[in-house]
Protein backbone atom coordinates (compact mmCIF):
# COMPACT_ATOMS: atom_id res chain seq x y z
CA MET A 1 7.61 -62.35 5.94
CA GLY A 2 6.58 -61.39 2.58
CA GLY A 3 3.35 -60.28 4.99
CA PHE A 4 5.04 -58.03 7.14
CA ARG A 5 6.70 -56.22 4.21
CA ALA A 6 3.65 -55.61 3.17
CA THR A 7 2.09 -53.91 6.18
CA SER A 8 5.46 -52.14 7.15
CA ALA A 9 5.09 -50.54 3.36
CA ARG A 10 1.47 -49.89 4.13
CA LEU A 11 2.18 -48.22 7.44
CA VAL A 12 5.17 -45.87 5.77
CA ALA A 13 2.66 -44.75 3.07
CA ALA A 14 0.01 -43.82 5.90
CA LEU A 15 3.05 -42.27 8.18
CA SER A 16 3.63 -40.16 5.01
CA MET A 17 0.33 -39.21 4.52
CA THR A 18 -0.46 -38.35 7.65
CA ALA A 19 2.60 -35.80 8.19
CA LEU A 20 2.30 -34.24 4.60
CA LEU A 21 -1.42 -33.47 5.62
CA ALA A 22 -0.06 -31.82 8.94
CA SER A 23 2.32 -30.09 7.42
CA ALA A 24 0.13 -29.09 4.71
CA CYS A 25 -0.28 -25.02 5.14
CA ALA A 26 -1.29 -21.94 3.49
CA SER A 27 0.36 -19.05 1.98
CA THR A 28 -1.46 -15.59 0.16
CA THR A 29 0.22 -12.56 -1.35
CA GLU A 30 0.38 -9.36 -0.30
CA SER A 31 1.35 -6.54 -2.14
CA ASN A 32 4.75 -4.30 -1.72
CA ILE A 33 3.89 -0.98 -1.84
CA GLY A 34 6.41 1.43 -1.43
CA ARG A 35 5.98 2.82 1.86
CA THR A 36 4.39 1.57 4.93
CA ALA A 37 1.36 2.67 5.97
CA THR A 38 3.23 4.80 9.38
CA GLU A 39 5.69 6.18 6.96
CA ASN A 40 2.60 7.23 4.88
CA LEU A 41 1.02 8.94 8.36
CA LEU A 42 4.44 10.41 9.06
CA LEU A 43 4.76 12.49 5.95
CA ALA A 44 0.92 13.12 5.97
CA ARG A 45 1.18 14.58 9.86
CA ALA A 46 4.38 16.72 8.61
CA ALA A 47 2.53 18.06 5.94
CA ASP A 48 0.29 19.49 8.32
CA LYS A 49 2.21 20.63 10.68
CA ALA A 50 4.04 22.72 7.97
CA VAL A 51 1.10 24.54 6.75
CA GLU A 52 -0.75 25.12 10.61
CA GLY A 53 -1.23 29.32 10.15
CA LEU A 54 -0.24 30.00 6.99
CA SER A 55 -1.72 32.89 5.62
CA LEU A 56 -1.15 35.20 2.69
CA PRO A 57 -0.54 39.26 1.87
CA LEU A 58 -4.23 39.08 0.53
CA PRO A 59 -6.92 41.12 1.83
CA THR A 60 -9.04 37.59 3.30
CA GLY A 61 -11.84 36.86 0.37
CA ALA A 62 -9.21 36.83 -2.52
CA THR A 63 -9.75 34.27 -5.10
CA VAL A 64 -6.11 32.29 -5.68
CA PHE A 65 -4.53 30.23 -7.86
CA VAL A 66 -2.23 27.62 -6.96
CA ASP A 67 0.22 26.58 -9.03
CA GLU A 68 1.77 23.03 -8.45
CA THR A 69 3.75 22.85 -11.36
CA TYR A 70 6.72 23.08 -9.84
CA PHE A 71 5.96 21.08 -7.17
CA GLN A 72 7.41 17.48 -7.53
CA THR A 73 8.27 15.26 -4.92
CA GLU A 74 6.41 11.97 -3.65
CA ASN A 75 3.50 11.97 -1.57
CA SER A 76 3.05 15.60 -3.00
CA ARG A 77 -0.33 15.04 -4.21
CA TYR A 78 -1.55 15.30 0.20
CA ALA A 79 0.88 18.22 0.74
CA ILE A 80 -0.71 20.41 -2.36
CA SER A 81 -4.29 19.47 -0.84
CA ALA A 82 -3.00 20.08 2.62
CA ILE A 83 -1.76 23.53 1.40
CA ARG A 84 -5.11 24.37 -0.40
CA GLY A 85 -7.08 23.57 2.71
CA ALA A 86 -4.46 25.90 4.69
CA LEU A 87 -5.57 28.74 2.57
CA SER A 88 -9.08 27.73 2.65
CA ASP A 89 -9.39 28.02 6.31
CA ALA A 90 -7.05 31.32 6.42
CA GLY A 91 -9.99 32.57 4.44
CA TYR A 92 -9.31 32.81 1.57
CA ARG A 93 -10.89 31.44 -2.18
CA LEU A 94 -9.45 29.03 -4.54
CA THR A 95 -9.99 28.61 -7.92
CA ARG A 96 -8.67 26.60 -10.94
CA THR A 97 -7.55 28.92 -13.48
CA ARG A 98 -5.53 31.55 -13.83
CA GLU A 99 -8.28 33.44 -15.59
CA ASP A 100 -10.97 33.92 -12.80
CA ALA A 101 -7.67 34.67 -9.93
CA ASP A 102 -7.11 37.90 -8.34
CA ALA A 103 -3.49 36.17 -7.55
CA VAL A 104 -1.12 33.09 -8.34
CA PHE A 105 0.50 30.91 -5.47
CA GLU A 106 3.40 29.41 -6.82
CA ILE A 107 4.43 26.46 -4.34
CA ARG A 108 7.69 24.66 -3.69
CA THR A 109 9.07 22.15 -1.42
CA GLY A 110 12.04 21.77 0.45
CA ALA A 111 11.35 18.80 1.93
CA LEU A 112 9.13 16.10 2.14
CA ALA A 113 11.01 12.99 3.74
CA LEU A 114 11.35 10.44 5.96
CA GLU A 115 14.48 10.25 8.31
CA GLN A 116 15.86 7.77 11.30
CA MET A 117 17.75 7.43 14.40
CA ARG A 118 18.58 4.19 15.84
CA ARG A 119 20.72 4.42 19.65
CA VAL A 120 21.66 1.17 20.36
CA PHE A 121 23.43 0.70 24.13
CA GLY A 122 25.32 -2.60 23.04
CA ILE A 123 26.69 -4.27 20.12
CA PRO A 124 24.60 -3.63 16.53
CA GLU A 125 24.26 -5.64 13.82
CA MET A 126 26.90 -5.57 11.68
CA ARG A 127 28.06 -7.38 7.87
CA ILE A 128 31.05 -7.90 8.45
CA PRO A 129 33.44 -9.15 5.36
CA ILE A 130 34.98 -12.11 5.16
CA ASN A 131 37.29 -12.62 2.26
CA GLU A 132 38.82 -10.65 -0.81
CA ASN A 133 35.86 -11.25 -2.77
CA PHE A 134 33.52 -8.53 -0.39
CA ASN A 135 31.67 -11.97 0.56
CA VAL A 136 29.79 -10.26 4.26
CA VAL A 137 28.78 -12.71 7.70
CA SER A 138 25.78 -10.65 9.43
CA LEU A 139 26.08 -11.08 13.04
CA PRO A 140 22.48 -10.36 15.24
CA GLU A 141 22.82 -6.42 17.07
CA LEU A 142 22.86 -8.12 21.04
CA SER A 143 21.82 -4.77 23.27
CA VAL A 144 20.76 -3.96 26.60
CA TYR A 145 18.88 -1.22 25.63
CA SER A 146 17.92 0.32 22.32
CA ASN A 147 15.33 3.17 20.53
CA ARG A 148 14.28 4.30 16.75
CA ASP A 149 13.04 7.53 16.28
CA ARG A 150 10.87 7.68 13.04
CA ALA A 151 9.79 10.87 11.92
CA GLY A 152 8.29 13.45 9.02
CA VAL A 153 10.18 16.17 7.87
CA ALA A 154 8.27 18.33 5.12
CA GLU A 155 9.41 22.20 4.12
CA PHE A 156 7.53 23.95 1.65
CA SER A 157 7.74 27.28 0.23
CA GLY A 158 6.47 29.61 -2.45
CA PHE A 159 5.52 33.93 -3.87
CA LEU A 160 2.56 35.15 -4.67
CA TYR A 161 2.17 37.70 -7.48
CA GLU A 162 -0.78 39.05 -9.98
CA ALA A 163 -2.49 36.85 -11.78
CA LYS A 164 -2.88 39.49 -14.58
CA THR A 165 0.24 41.50 -14.41
CA GLY A 166 2.66 39.61 -13.34
CA ALA A 167 3.53 41.99 -10.57
CA PRO A 168 5.36 40.30 -7.13
CA LEU A 169 3.35 40.91 -3.96
CA GLY A 170 5.46 39.01 -1.58
CA ALA A 171 6.90 35.53 -0.46
CA VAL A 172 6.26 32.54 1.78
CA LEU A 173 9.20 31.71 3.96
CA PRO A 174 10.00 28.66 4.34
CA MET A 175 7.60 26.29 5.99
CA ILE A 176 8.79 23.52 8.38
CA GLY A 177 6.77 20.89 10.12
CA GLN A 178 7.97 17.49 11.47
CA TYR A 179 5.78 14.59 13.02
CA ARG A 180 8.16 11.82 14.88
CA ILE A 181 7.60 8.71 16.93
CA ARG A 182 9.82 6.51 19.47
CA SER A 183 10.35 2.67 20.39
CA HIS A 184 11.95 0.90 23.21
CA LYS A 185 13.22 -1.70 23.25
CA LEU A 186 14.79 -3.57 26.60
CA PHE A 187 16.94 -7.18 26.23
CA MET A 188 16.01 -7.26 22.35
CA ILE A 189 12.35 -8.54 23.47
CA VAL A 190 10.45 -5.95 26.12
CA THR A 191 8.91 -3.03 23.65
CA TRP A 192 7.12 0.34 24.39
CA GLY A 193 6.45 3.65 23.14
CA GLN A 194 4.88 5.25 20.23
CA GLN A 195 5.23 2.46 17.76
CA GLN A 196 3.11 3.68 14.91
CA ALA A 197 1.84 7.05 13.61
CA GLN A 198 -1.73 8.28 14.98
CA PRO A 199 -3.61 10.07 12.36
CA GLY A 200 -5.21 12.67 15.29
CA GLN A 201 -7.74 13.28 17.18
CA ARG A 202 -11.59 13.36 16.80
CA ASP A 203 -14.80 14.96 18.64
CA PRO A 204 -16.93 12.05 19.21
CA GLY A 205 -19.62 11.85 16.95
CA SER A 206 -18.34 14.10 14.76
CA SER A 207 -15.65 14.73 11.72
CA TRP A 208 -16.85 17.89 10.63
CA THR A 209 -15.30 20.59 11.11
CA GLU A 210 -16.42 24.72 9.53
CA PHE A 211 -13.47 26.94 8.36
């Protein structure tokens, strides 16, 4: 009897060790940022579209200082660079100092953000209170078809004045850009459509474009 118990104990220990080895797993730590890559691309493409065709009431070759003091928003650095790039594309020279500028272009932002809309044919996901303490229970979505629109929206404007005298030269009406992607889902399983923002097209073998 004692030998049987010892053998059983060894068998249990061996099986336990095998189970531990079989169920072993590895985990990795990922950084959590404020926005996903797709969301950042949506904002960047919206900013690019907003400044397409930007021009100022100045002769070509005039030197412009871009005043970004009041351009305060998330992802502002990319948007400011897009504005500066559009001015260069239009033939203006950029300077880092007011003293060297013919005119100051003071820019501001009305919007640089994301919006989302989801349409569901069926029962959407719901959170239902279950007692007087407002504890809730989540009910999953039960839909035949759903789609989701995600959009980056950008609106910029500004005004122009002489660098030396401060005399007004004109204003730039709101420049609005939007970049939207849409995805579809059928029976909560089958998905199709554009799932992520595409960074743009480029000529094969070349990434350089002259102004």
